[in-house]
Protein backbone atom coordinates (compact mmCIF):
# COMPACT_ATOMS: atom_id res chain seq x y z
CA PRO A 1 27.54 -38.03 57.22
CA ALA A 2 27.10 -37.43 53.82
CA PRO A 3 24.23 -35.09 52.00
CA VAL A 4 21.77 -37.64 50.67
CA PRO A 5 21.36 -36.48 46.52
CA SER A 6 18.16 -33.63 46.19
CA GLU A 7 15.69 -35.36 43.80
CA ASP A 8 16.73 -32.91 40.85
CA GLU A 9 20.69 -33.81 41.00
CA SER A 10 20.01 -37.58 40.64
CA ASP A 11 18.05 -37.43 37.91
CA LYS A 12 20.79 -34.64 36.06
CA THR A 13 23.39 -37.73 37.58
CA SER A 14 21.59 -40.55 35.66
CA GLU A 15 20.85 -38.18 32.16
CA GLN A 16 25.04 -37.69 32.75
CA LEU A 17 24.89 -41.44 33.03
CA GLU A 18 23.75 -42.56 30.64
CA GLY A 19 24.62 -39.67 27.07
CA GLU A 20 23.42 -39.33 24.19
CA ARG A 21 24.79 -41.16 20.78
CA LYS A 22 26.46 -39.51 18.76
CA GLN A 23 28.21 -39.53 15.27
CA VAL A 24 31.60 -37.58 15.32
CA THR A 25 35.21 -37.58 14.36
CA VAL A 26 37.39 -38.36 17.67
CA MET A 27 40.57 -37.64 17.63
CA PHE A 28 43.88 -38.42 19.64
CA CYS A 29 47.29 -35.98 19.78
CA ASP A 30 50.24 -36.75 21.91
CA ILE A 31 53.80 -35.09 21.72
CA GLU A 32 56.27 -37.80 20.40
CA ARG A 33 59.60 -38.87 22.85
CA SER A 34 58.33 -36.01 25.39
CA MET A 35 60.16 -38.04 28.05
CA SER A 36 63.22 -37.52 26.66
CA LEU A 37 62.02 -33.88 25.51
CA ALA A 38 61.20 -33.20 28.98
CA GLU A 39 65.01 -35.20 30.25
CA ARG A 40 66.92 -32.21 27.59
CA LEU A 41 64.91 -29.26 28.95
CA GLY A 42 63.37 -29.11 32.54
CA ASP A 43 60.61 -29.09 34.33
CA GLU A 44 60.34 -25.29 34.08
CA ALA A 45 60.71 -24.95 30.40
CA MET A 46 58.87 -28.62 29.53
CA HIS A 47 55.98 -26.95 30.92
CA ARG A 48 55.88 -23.44 29.39
CA LEU A 49 56.31 -25.52 26.34
CA LEU A 50 53.23 -27.83 26.80
CA ASN A 51 51.59 -24.96 27.37
CA GLU A 52 52.35 -23.17 24.58
CA PHE A 53 51.38 -26.34 22.32
CA PHE A 54 48.24 -26.60 24.05
CA ASP A 55 47.26 -22.77 23.52
CA LEU A 56 48.32 -23.52 19.29
CA ALA A 57 46.28 -26.57 19.56
CA LEU A 58 43.04 -25.15 20.90
CA GLY A 59 43.60 -22.24 18.53
CA VAL A 60 43.24 -24.44 15.82
CA VAL A 61 40.75 -26.51 16.77
CA HIS A 62 38.28 -24.07 17.73
CA ARG A 63 38.62 -22.80 14.77
CA TYR A 64 37.14 -25.77 12.52
CA GLU A 65 34.13 -25.90 15.71
CA GLY A 66 36.16 -28.72 17.25
CA THR A 67 36.22 -29.76 21.46
CA ILE A 68 38.87 -30.74 22.88
CA ASN A 69 37.19 -32.66 25.94
CA GLN A 70 40.37 -34.49 27.84
CA PHE A 71 44.29 -33.12 28.33
CA LEU A 72 46.54 -36.45 28.61
CA GLY A 73 50.29 -34.93 29.43
CA ASP A 74 51.60 -34.42 26.98
CA GLY A 75 48.32 -34.81 24.47
CA PHE A 76 45.15 -34.49 24.36
CA MET A 77 41.43 -36.09 23.06
CA ALA A 78 39.58 -34.02 20.55
CA LEU A 79 35.46 -33.96 19.21
CA PHE A 80 34.20 -33.01 16.08
CA GLY A 81 30.73 -33.25 16.38
CA ALA A 82 29.55 -32.97 19.39
CA PRO A 83 29.16 -31.58 21.36
CA VAL A 84 27.20 -29.05 19.08
CA ALA A 85 26.56 -31.42 15.71
CA HIS A 86 27.80 -30.81 12.57
CA GLU A 87 27.50 -33.04 9.32
CA ASP A 88 31.35 -32.42 8.02
CA HIS A 89 32.94 -33.46 11.00
CA GLU A 90 35.52 -35.81 9.04
CA ARG A 91 36.51 -32.76 7.14
CA ARG A 92 36.69 -30.92 10.57
CA ALA A 93 38.53 -33.14 12.14
CA ILE A 94 41.43 -33.34 8.96
CA LEU A 95 41.42 -29.23 8.67
CA SER A 96 42.35 -28.95 12.14
CA ALA A 97 44.61 -32.32 11.78
CA LEU A 98 46.91 -30.66 8.70
CA GLY A 99 46.32 -27.27 10.56
CA ILE A 100 48.45 -28.47 13.75
CA LEU A 101 51.16 -29.75 11.95
CA GLN A 102 51.29 -26.33 10.17
CA ALA A 103 51.28 -24.08 13.08
CA LEU A 104 53.86 -26.51 14.32
CA ARG A 105 55.97 -26.77 11.39
CA LEU A 106 55.56 -22.72 11.58
CA ARG A 107 56.06 -21.86 14.59
CA GLN A 108 59.67 -24.34 15.05
CA ALA A 109 60.56 -22.03 11.84
CA ARG A 110 60.06 -18.62 13.35
CA GLU A 111 61.18 -19.58 17.05
CA ARG A 112 64.49 -19.60 18.52
CA ASP A 113 62.90 -20.59 22.07
CA TRP A 114 61.38 -23.32 19.95
CA ALA A 115 64.05 -23.54 17.41
CA GLY A 116 65.97 -27.56 16.97
CA ARG A 117 63.72 -28.63 19.78
CA ASP A 118 62.21 -30.96 16.71
CA LEU A 119 58.98 -31.36 18.69
CA ARG A 120 56.72 -33.29 16.53
CA VAL A 121 53.48 -35.08 16.64
CA ARG A 122 51.00 -38.01 16.52
CA ILE A 123 47.62 -37.88 15.06
CA GLY A 124 44.65 -40.70 14.99
CA MET A 125 41.40 -40.47 14.26
CA ASN A 126 38.52 -42.34 13.76
CA SER A 127 34.89 -41.78 12.37
CA GLY A 128 31.78 -43.64 13.53
CA PRO A 129 28.71 -43.86 16.76
CA VAL A 130 29.59 -43.07 20.47
CA VAL A 131 28.03 -42.44 23.24
CA VAL A 132 29.02 -38.43 24.10
CA GLY A 133 28.17 -37.15 27.68
CA ARG A 134 29.32 -36.07 31.30
CA ILE A 135 30.51 -38.51 33.37
CA GLY A 136 31.60 -38.19 37.34
CA ASN A 137 29.90 -36.45 39.90
CA ASN A 138 29.35 -33.17 41.95
CA LEU A 139 33.19 -33.30 43.06
CA ARG A 140 34.61 -33.97 39.01
CA ASP A 141 33.10 -34.25 35.64
CA ASP A 142 34.24 -34.45 32.33
CA PHE A 143 32.89 -34.34 29.03
CA THR A 144 33.63 -37.06 26.99
CA ALA A 145 33.13 -40.12 24.18
CA VAL A 146 33.27 -43.77 25.36
CA GLY A 147 33.07 -46.55 22.33
CA ASP A 148 34.59 -48.36 19.73
CA THR A 149 35.15 -45.13 17.87
CA THR A 150 36.99 -44.10 20.65
CA ASN A 151 39.29 -46.71 21.82
CA LEU A 152 39.86 -47.46 18.07
CA ALA A 153 41.25 -43.25 16.92
CA ALA A 154 43.67 -43.97 20.24
CA ARG A 155 44.77 -46.84 18.90
CA LEU A 156 45.64 -45.44 15.61
CA GLN A 157 47.12 -42.05 17.30
CA GLY A 158 49.82 -45.45 18.89
CA GLU A 159 50.68 -46.44 15.41
CA ALA A 160 51.32 -43.55 13.61
CA GLU A 161 54.74 -42.24 12.82
CA PRO A 162 56.06 -38.79 14.06
CA GLY A 163 54.61 -35.84 12.36
CA THR A 164 51.72 -37.62 10.68
CA ILE A 165 48.19 -38.09 10.54
CA LEU A 166 46.98 -41.53 10.73
CA ALA A 167 43.01 -41.94 9.97
CA SER A 168 40.72 -44.70 10.07
CA GLU A 169 38.74 -45.80 6.35
CA ALA A 170 35.70 -44.45 7.93
CA VAL A 171 37.22 -40.86 8.50
CA VAL A 172 38.84 -40.87 4.38
CA ARG A 173 35.70 -42.12 2.67
CA PRO A 174 33.66 -39.56 2.17
CA ILE A 175 35.89 -36.72 1.21
CA GLN A 176 38.68 -38.90 -0.41
CA ALA A 177 38.56 -37.11 -3.66
CA TYR A 178 40.09 -34.19 -2.08
CA LEU A 179 42.59 -35.57 -0.02
CA LYS A 180 45.75 -37.12 -1.27
CA VAL A 181 46.59 -40.62 1.48
CA ARG A 182 48.61 -43.23 1.57
CA PRO A 183 47.16 -47.30 2.63
CA VAL A 184 49.25 -47.99 5.94
CA GLY A 185 48.54 -52.06 6.97
CA PRO A 186 46.25 -54.32 7.74
CA MET A 187 47.24 -53.37 10.97
CA PRO A 188 47.32 -55.42 14.28
CA ILE A 189 44.71 -54.10 17.09
CA LYS A 190 44.68 -54.65 20.72
CA GLY A 191 41.03 -55.98 21.15
CA ARG A 192 40.33 -56.69 17.27
CA ASP A 193 40.00 -59.95 15.64
CA GLU A 194 40.57 -58.53 12.39
CA PRO A 195 43.40 -56.57 11.18
CA VAL A 196 42.84 -53.17 10.26
CA VAL A 197 43.75 -50.78 7.02
CA ALA A 198 44.70 -47.45 8.30
CA TYR A 199 45.39 -44.10 5.83
CA ARG A 200 48.61 -41.58 6.16
CA ILE A 201 46.81 -37.70 5.21
CA VAL A 202 49.49 -36.66 3.00
CA GLU A 203 47.75 -33.32 1.74
CA LEU A 204 44.84 -31.96 0.24
CA LEU A 205 44.13 -31.35 -3.51
CA SER A 206 41.42 -29.36 -3.62
CA ARG A 207 42.40 -25.07 -2.90
CA GLY A 208 39.43 -24.60 -1.52
CA TRP A 209 40.35 -26.94 1.70
CA ARG A 210 43.13 -25.69 2.31
CA PRO A 211 43.42 -25.08 6.23
CA GLU A 212 43.47 -21.14 6.57
CA PRO A 213 46.85 -19.28 8.14
CA PRO A 214 47.79 -21.06 11.76
CA LEU A 215 46.84 -18.56 14.48
CA THR A 216 49.52 -16.82 15.63
């Protein structure tokens, strides 16, 4: 028979399921046309490419103290503002997204193995309240963020054009003076009654906000 959880283990599981409400920015990023890219490269080469891409993205996200909490096949989900709280989580997420695009451009221009692959990503992000915490049991658990904020970030990533960042008004509003953006929409979003206006992040307008050079 399966072992009966101890009182301490039961309390721990309860705390994991309850989670904690926080204000965060959620970012989703995936590789565009990854299936056709995998077919062209082959399994081994695609595996190496994914490892190198995730290593590159991890370096940039961690530089701005974000957390990649889930790998999703050819992409990932990252959190800014949890588990480490930051009042400027919107700023950190945007700098991270721009840093990833910049790092990809430099990598493909500099390295022969990456040249010609036309590896482009789509990034979507949203800010707002979520419930964060670990979900699962002692066999496997994941730290994740649950709520409408996360759902909209994922939808925006799906609507983003290859090589672009699509952010909600909640992300852009606190720092709009520092950004050049283009409105996109109103877009119908599955599961929402009203269409959503989002913004394509074009560039930063302040030198002090420019991302640091990407990791090599």
